[in-house]
């Protein structure tokens, strides 16, 4: 089957990362994919070498992209379509004009909110064109579309992290407003008392200072990201793609959710935490929640020193590691997003010359 993916980049490595991962997973299943995007620099970083000729990255910011010889897709996927109006190039509208009969699936943002289950696979028709869009919601339950996990390396499943709080490798990928300095300072102080805590800083959120126990990590292509996470014991991750991959890694993690102006992210954070933390002891659960709140800057003003919350979490690492592996198993045995997408397509009334053989 030939599939189109529409990626309008708002948060570089989240939107692009998810869309690229989806495209590569579909190609691995034997389909061909055109990935239309508006950030060539970001995709070059994530996918520096074209590993498969069935995946075409198409820069849709050019004025001539509509007149290229595009093969008619049998399915179009639009991750995070709610961000369309925030982008300069409305190439989603152009594709709807070019391929009006192609089934269109809008894959929305990942959320644990209760309403997601009832909206999953709902439809909406454009009153002016009649174009029908189906809304697909990723999630963590059997009433959602699941997560992309078909591509997770099998040799990394079940790999335990170190849980000795005095000797840890810590991965940090964060937005600039995270209290990274407080984390580094607390780890520096512990190291002066005989611990060995090392922090790897990914992205460009912060730069280590001389004498810090932190170092900047060179950027890795998406194909090496799971292997990178596997070398660390505790994972600080952000957004959506690295958030999911941290869970699949089966390691204790702290999530920095993408902040929104209306503070809706605070409820989304709480909804996921309630789901994820089920089964943790009360003390462990409270210590983890305090870290999540502090890392996201949510709570009382002035915010307490994150370093203190981090130190209070360290005695709970053995419990968190056991819990993380149980959660990993739950996800890997749960719904798989790519397979759910293909199943949905197989059930659609044919709108092309013939129904493709999935």
Protein backbone atom coordinates (compact mmCIF):
# COMPACT_ATOMS: atom_id res chain seq x y z
CA UNK A 1 0.00 0.00 0.00
CA UNK A 2 1.15 3.56 -0.72
CA UNK A 3 0.70 5.90 2.26
CA UNK A 4 1.11 9.64 2.73
CA UNK A 5 2.05 11.23 6.06
CA UNK A 6 1.53 14.94 6.77
CA UNK A 7 3.96 16.39 9.32
CA UNK A 8 3.66 20.04 10.29
CA UNK A 9 6.46 20.68 12.77
CA UNK A 10 5.72 22.69 15.92
CA UNK A 11 8.08 21.04 18.42
CA UNK A 12 10.97 19.89 16.24
CA UNK A 13 11.88 16.53 17.68
CA UNK A 14 8.41 15.58 18.92
CA UNK A 15 6.32 16.08 15.79
CA UNK A 16 9.06 15.09 13.37
CA UNK A 17 10.23 12.23 15.57
CA UNK A 18 6.81 10.63 15.83
CA UNK A 19 6.06 11.07 12.12
CA UNK A 20 9.40 9.61 11.07
CA UNK A 21 9.02 6.68 13.45
CA UNK A 22 5.55 5.99 12.05
CA UNK A 23 6.84 6.16 8.47
CA UNK A 24 9.75 3.82 9.14
CA UNK A 25 7.51 1.29 10.89
CA UNK A 26 5.11 1.25 7.93
CA UNK A 27 8.00 0.79 5.50
CA UNK A 28 9.32 -2.08 7.62
CA UNK A 29 5.93 -3.77 7.13
CA UNK A 30 6.32 -3.55 3.35
CA UNK A 31 4.42 -0.35 2.53
CA UNK A 32 5.77 2.69 0.68
CA UNK A 33 5.51 6.13 2.30
CA UNK A 34 5.67 9.77 1.20
CA UNK A 35 6.35 11.92 4.27
CA UNK A 36 5.36 15.55 3.55
CA UNK A 37 6.98 18.01 5.97
CA UNK A 38 7.99 21.63 6.51
CA UNK A 39 11.32 21.25 8.39
CA UNK A 40 14.06 19.74 6.20
CA UNK A 41 16.82 20.57 8.71
CA UNK A 42 15.11 18.63 11.49
CA UNK A 43 14.49 15.58 9.33
CA UNK A 44 18.07 15.62 8.09
CA UNK A 45 19.25 15.44 11.70
CA UNK A 46 16.87 12.63 12.65
CA UNK A 47 17.31 10.68 9.42
CA UNK A 48 20.76 11.53 8.01
CA UNK A 49 20.96 8.50 5.71
CA UNK A 50 18.12 7.29 3.53
CA UNK A 51 17.95 3.72 4.71
CA UNK A 52 15.09 2.55 2.48
CA UNK A 53 13.97 3.63 -0.97
CA UNK A 54 10.33 3.02 -0.01
CA UNK A 55 10.44 6.09 2.24
CA UNK A 56 10.44 9.50 0.51
CA UNK A 57 10.85 12.71 2.50
CA UNK A 58 9.14 15.53 0.60
CA UNK A 59 9.73 19.17 1.55
CA UNK A 60 6.25 20.64 1.13
CA UNK A 61 7.36 24.23 1.67
CA UNK A 62 8.30 24.56 -2.00
CA UNK A 63 5.69 26.14 -4.25
CA UNK A 64 6.05 23.33 -6.75
CA UNK A 65 5.43 20.37 -4.49
CA UNK A 66 1.82 20.10 -5.75
CA UNK A 67 2.90 19.62 -9.34
CA UNK A 68 5.42 16.88 -8.59
CA UNK A 69 4.50 13.47 -9.92
CA UNK A 70 2.99 12.20 -6.70
CA UNK A 71 1.62 8.71 -6.59
CA UNK A 72 -1.96 8.63 -5.36
CA UNK A 73 -1.91 7.45 -1.72
CA UNK A 74 -4.34 4.82 -0.50
CA UNK A 75 -4.21 6.29 3.00
CA UNK A 76 -3.16 9.67 4.39
CA UNK A 77 -2.08 10.02 8.02
CA UNK A 78 -1.90 13.43 9.68
CA UNK A 79 -0.17 13.35 13.09
CA UNK A 80 -1.15 16.25 15.36
CA UNK A 81 -3.49 17.84 12.84
CA UNK A 82 -4.83 20.22 15.44
CA UNK A 83 -1.66 22.28 14.94
CA UNK A 84 -2.41 22.99 11.27
CA UNK A 85 -3.32 26.63 11.79
CA UNK A 86 -0.03 27.30 13.58
CA UNK A 87 1.97 26.50 10.47
CA UNK A 88 2.77 28.73 7.52
CA UNK A 89 2.37 26.09 4.83
CA UNK A 90 -1.10 24.51 4.71
CA UNK A 91 -0.03 21.61 2.56
CA UNK A 92 -2.62 19.44 4.29
CA UNK A 93 -5.27 21.46 2.42
CA UNK A 94 -3.38 20.99 -0.84
CA UNK A 95 -3.26 17.21 -0.37
CA UNK A 96 -6.98 17.12 0.33
CA UNK A 97 -7.56 18.87 -3.00
CA UNK A 98 -5.19 16.54 -4.84
CA UNK A 99 -6.53 13.32 -3.31
CA UNK A 100 -10.14 13.95 -2.23
CA UNK A 101 -11.12 10.27 -2.20
CA UNK A 102 -8.25 8.99 -0.08
CA UNK A 103 -9.17 7.95 3.50
CA UNK A 104 -7.70 10.51 5.91
CA UNK A 105 -6.77 9.58 9.49
CA UNK A 106 -5.83 12.34 11.90
CA UNK A 107 -3.59 10.94 14.64
CA UNK A 108 -3.97 13.27 17.60
CA UNK A 109 -1.69 13.93 20.55
CA UNK A 110 -1.10 11.22 23.13
CA UNK A 111 -3.14 11.67 26.30
CA UNK A 112 -4.44 9.64 29.25
CA UNK A 113 -7.50 11.83 29.76
CA UNK A 114 -10.73 9.89 30.11
CA UNK A 115 -12.49 11.53 27.16
CA UNK A 116 -9.94 10.16 24.69
CA UNK A 117 -11.50 6.69 24.65
CA UNK A 118 -14.92 7.99 23.59
CA UNK A 119 -13.50 10.19 20.80
CA UNK A 120 -11.19 7.53 19.34
CA UNK A 121 -12.19 6.80 15.70
CA UNK A 122 -14.87 9.50 15.62
CA UNK A 123 -15.49 11.29 12.30
CA UNK A 124 -15.82 14.89 11.14
CA UNK A 125 -16.95 16.13 7.71
CA UNK A 126 -15.84 19.47 6.26
CA UNK A 127 -19.14 21.25 5.44
CA UNK A 128 -17.65 23.07 2.45
CA UNK A 129 -15.94 20.12 0.75
CA UNK A 130 -17.51 17.05 2.31
CA UNK A 131 -14.02 15.71 3.11
CA UNK A 132 -14.26 13.25 6.00
CA UNK A 133 -11.54 13.04 8.64
CA UNK A 134 -11.36 10.26 11.22
CA UNK A 135 -9.75 11.06 14.57
CA UNK A 136 -7.35 8.46 15.93
CA UNK A 137 -6.18 8.74 19.54
CA UNK A 138 -3.01 7.02 20.74
CA UNK A 139 -3.16 5.86 24.32
CA UNK A 140 -2.35 3.35 27.00
CA UNK A 141 -5.61 1.36 27.12
CA UNK A 142 -7.39 -1.14 24.87
CA UNK A 143 -10.02 1.48 24.01
CA UNK A 144 -7.45 3.72 22.27
CA UNK A 145 -5.08 3.33 19.33
CA UNK A 146 -2.12 2.27 21.45
CA UNK A 147 1.53 3.23 20.95
CA UNK A 148 4.24 2.59 18.37
CA UNK A 149 6.24 -0.26 19.83
CA UNK A 150 6.66 -2.68 16.91
CA UNK A 151 10.09 -1.15 16.30
CA UNK A 152 11.48 -1.50 19.83
CA UNK A 153 14.69 -3.59 19.80
CA UNK A 154 13.97 -7.00 21.29
CA UNK A 155 17.45 -7.36 22.77
CA UNK A 156 16.77 -4.37 25.05
CA UNK A 157 13.55 -5.74 26.55
CA UNK A 158 13.84 -6.53 30.25
CA UNK A 159 17.20 -4.82 30.67
CA UNK A 160 17.47 -3.55 34.23
CA UNK A 161 19.01 -0.25 35.19
CA UNK A 162 21.30 0.25 38.17
CA UNK A 163 19.33 1.10 41.30
CA UNK A 164 22.23 2.00 43.58
CA UNK A 165 21.54 5.66 44.31
CA UNK A 166 25.25 6.35 44.81
CA UNK A 167 26.26 5.30 41.29
CA UNK A 168 23.98 6.36 38.45
CA UNK A 169 24.07 7.46 34.84
CA UNK A 170 21.31 10.02 34.30
CA UNK A 171 19.91 11.07 30.92
CA UNK A 172 18.41 14.57 30.57
CA UNK A 173 16.45 15.79 27.56
CA UNK A 174 14.43 18.82 28.66
CA UNK A 175 12.86 22.10 27.68
CA UNK A 176 14.80 25.20 28.77
CA UNK A 177 12.50 25.94 31.73
CA UNK A 178 13.38 22.72 33.57
CA UNK A 179 15.42 23.15 36.78
CA UNK A 180 18.45 21.46 35.26
CA UNK A 181 20.90 23.53 37.26
CA UNK A 182 19.35 22.40 40.53
CA UNK A 183 19.62 18.76 39.46
CA UNK A 184 23.28 19.19 38.53
CA UNK A 185 24.11 21.03 41.74
CA UNK A 186 22.53 18.33 43.91
CA UNK A 187 24.43 15.59 42.07
CA UNK A 188 27.67 17.57 42.34
CA UNK A 189 27.13 17.81 46.10
CA UNK A 190 26.49 14.08 46.42
CA UNK A 191 29.66 13.31 44.47
CA UNK A 192 31.74 15.30 46.94
CA UNK A 193 30.50 12.86 49.58
CA UNK A 194 31.58 9.76 47.67
CA UNK A 195 28.79 9.12 45.18
CA UNK A 196 29.32 8.74 41.44
CA UNK A 197 26.43 10.40 39.63
CA UNK A 198 26.95 11.32 35.99
CA UNK A 199 24.52 13.33 33.86
CA UNK A 200 24.29 13.27 30.08
CA UNK A 201 22.65 16.39 28.65
CA UNK A 202 20.87 15.96 25.32
CA UNK A 203 19.61 18.78 23.12
CA UNK A 204 20.43 22.42 23.73
CA UNK A 205 18.54 23.10 26.96
CA UNK A 206 21.66 23.68 29.09
CA UNK A 207 25.43 23.65 28.96
CA UNK A 208 27.54 22.10 31.75
CA UNK A 209 29.94 24.26 33.70
CA UNK A 210 33.52 23.43 34.57
CA UNK A 211 33.63 20.88 37.38
CA UNK A 212 30.08 19.65 36.83
CA UNK A 213 29.23 15.97 36.84
CA UNK A 214 27.38 16.63 33.55
CA UNK A 215 28.47 16.46 29.94
CA UNK A 216 26.77 17.27 26.64
CA UNK A 217 25.73 14.24 24.58
CA UNK A 218 26.30 14.38 20.81
CA UNK A 219 23.07 14.26 18.83
CA UNK A 220 22.12 10.80 17.62
CA UNK A 221 19.87 9.85 14.73
CA UNK A 222 16.52 8.35 15.65
CA UNK A 223 17.75 4.87 14.77
CA UNK A 224 20.22 5.03 17.68
CA UNK A 225 17.97 6.61 20.30
CA UNK A 226 16.74 3.42 22.01
CA UNK A 227 20.29 2.13 22.33
CA UNK A 228 21.32 5.48 23.83
CA UNK A 229 18.57 5.39 26.48
CA UNK A 230 19.53 1.82 27.37
CA UNK A 231 22.93 3.01 28.60
CA UNK A 232 21.35 5.17 31.32
CA UNK A 233 19.73 4.34 34.66
CA UNK A 234 17.28 7.24 35.12
CA UNK A 235 15.69 9.11 32.23
CA UNK A 236 14.49 12.72 32.19
CA UNK A 237 12.48 13.08 28.99
CA UNK A 238 10.17 15.60 27.37
CA UNK A 239 7.32 15.92 24.87
CA UNK A 240 5.88 12.76 23.35
CA UNK A 241 8.35 10.65 21.38
CA UNK A 242 11.13 10.49 23.98
CA UNK A 243 8.43 10.13 26.67
CA UNK A 244 7.14 6.93 25.04
CA UNK A 245 10.60 5.55 24.31
CA UNK A 246 11.59 6.04 27.97
CA UNK A 247 8.62 3.91 29.01
CA UNK A 248 9.53 1.23 26.48
CA UNK A 249 13.07 1.29 27.88
CA UNK A 250 11.76 0.04 31.23
CA UNK A 251 13.69 2.62 33.25
CA UNK A 252 12.64 5.01 36.04
CA UNK A 253 11.79 8.31 34.34
CA UNK A 254 10.66 11.87 34.96
CA UNK A 255 8.51 13.48 32.28
CA UNK A 256 8.47 17.12 31.28
CA UNK A 257 5.24 17.64 29.39
CA UNK A 258 5.00 20.24 26.63
CA UNK A 259 3.69 23.40 28.37
CA UNK A 260 0.54 25.12 27.13
CA UNK A 261 -0.56 28.71 27.73
CA UNK A 262 -3.87 27.65 29.27
CA UNK A 263 -2.09 25.26 31.68
CA UNK A 264 -4.03 22.30 30.31
CA UNK A 265 -0.76 20.37 30.43
CA UNK A 266 -0.98 20.16 34.22
CA UNK A 267 -4.12 18.02 34.06
CA UNK A 268 -2.67 15.87 31.28
CA UNK A 269 0.41 15.26 33.44
CA UNK A 270 -1.74 14.29 36.43
CA UNK A 271 -3.93 11.95 34.37
CA UNK A 272 -0.95 10.01 33.09
CA UNK A 273 0.71 9.91 36.50
CA UNK A 274 -2.44 8.45 38.08
CA UNK A 275 -2.40 5.68 35.47
CA UNK A 276 1.33 5.02 35.53
CA UNK A 277 1.80 5.10 39.32
CA UNK A 278 -0.86 2.49 40.09
CA UNK A 279 0.80 -0.17 42.21
CA UNK A 280 3.54 1.99 43.68
CA UNK A 281 3.83 2.29 47.44
CA UNK A 282 2.48 5.53 48.93
CA UNK A 283 5.90 6.95 49.86
CA UNK A 284 7.41 6.11 46.49
CA UNK A 285 4.42 7.53 44.64
CA UNK A 286 4.58 10.81 46.56
CA UNK A 287 8.33 11.19 46.03
CA UNK A 288 7.97 10.59 42.29
CA UNK A 289 5.05 13.01 41.97
CA UNK A 290 6.98 15.73 43.79
CA UNK A 291 9.80 15.31 41.27
CA UNK A 292 7.41 15.47 38.33
CA UNK A 293 5.76 18.61 39.69
CA UNK A 294 9.08 20.32 40.38
CA UNK A 295 10.58 19.37 37.03
CA UNK A 296 7.54 20.87 35.28
CA UNK A 297 7.36 23.97 37.45
CA UNK A 298 3.86 23.11 38.63
CA UNK A 299 2.75 23.81 42.17
CA UNK A 300 3.25 26.34 44.91
CA UNK A 301 5.19 29.56 44.51
CA UNK A 302 8.03 29.88 45.10
CA UNK A 303 8.87 26.43 43.83
CA UNK A 304 10.81 24.25 46.27
CA UNK A 305 14.41 23.37 45.39
CA UNK A 306 14.20 20.54 42.88
CA UNK A 307 17.46 19.12 44.20
CA UNK A 308 15.76 18.22 47.48
CA UNK A 309 12.92 16.46 45.68
CA UNK A 310 15.45 14.53 43.58
CA UNK A 311 17.43 13.40 46.62
CA UNK A 312 14.21 12.28 48.32
CA UNK A 313 13.41 10.12 45.30
CA UNK A 314 16.70 8.22 45.19
CA UNK A 315 15.91 5.67 47.97
CA UNK A 316 12.89 4.55 45.92
CA UNK A 317 14.84 3.65 42.77
CA UNK A 318 14.71 -0.14 43.34
CA UNK A 319 10.91 -0.02 43.55
CA UNK A 320 10.71 2.30 40.55
CA UNK A 321 12.93 -0.02 38.48
CA UNK A 322 10.74 -3.04 39.19
CA UNK A 323 7.65 -1.00 38.40
CA UNK A 324 9.15 0.32 35.16
CA UNK A 325 9.79 -3.19 33.85
CA UNK A 326 6.22 -4.22 34.65
CA UNK A 327 4.99 -1.14 32.78
CA UNK A 328 7.26 -1.97 29.86
CA UNK A 329 5.72 -5.44 29.63
CA UNK A 330 2.21 -3.95 29.77
CA UNK A 331 2.93 -1.60 26.88
CA UNK A 332 4.65 -4.18 24.71
CA UNK A 333 1.71 -6.53 25.15
CA UNK A 334 -0.85 -3.79 24.59
CA UNK A 335 -2.21 -2.19 21.45
CA UNK A 336 0.31 -1.33 18.75
CA UNK A 337 -0.46 1.90 16.93
CA UNK A 338 0.83 1.00 13.47
CA UNK A 339 -1.13 -2.25 13.39
CA UNK A 340 -4.26 -0.45 14.61
CA UNK A 341 -3.92 2.12 11.82
CA UNK A 342 -3.65 -0.59 9.17
CA UNK A 343 -6.59 -2.48 10.65
CA UNK A 344 -8.71 0.68 10.45
CA UNK A 345 -7.75 1.16 6.79
CA UNK A 346 -8.68 -2.44 5.95
CA UNK A 347 -12.20 -1.83 7.24
CA UNK A 348 -12.88 1.26 5.13
CA UNK A 349 -15.24 1.20 2.18
CA UNK A 350 -13.00 1.22 -0.92
CA UNK A 351 -12.74 4.68 -2.48
CA UNK A 352 -10.01 3.89 -5.00
CA UNK A 353 -10.13 1.51 -7.95
CA UNK A 354 -9.80 -1.44 -5.64
CA UNK A 355 -9.27 -2.17 -2.00
CA UNK A 356 -5.55 -2.68 -1.33
CA UNK A 357 -4.42 -5.98 0.06
CA UNK A 358 -3.11 -5.24 3.54
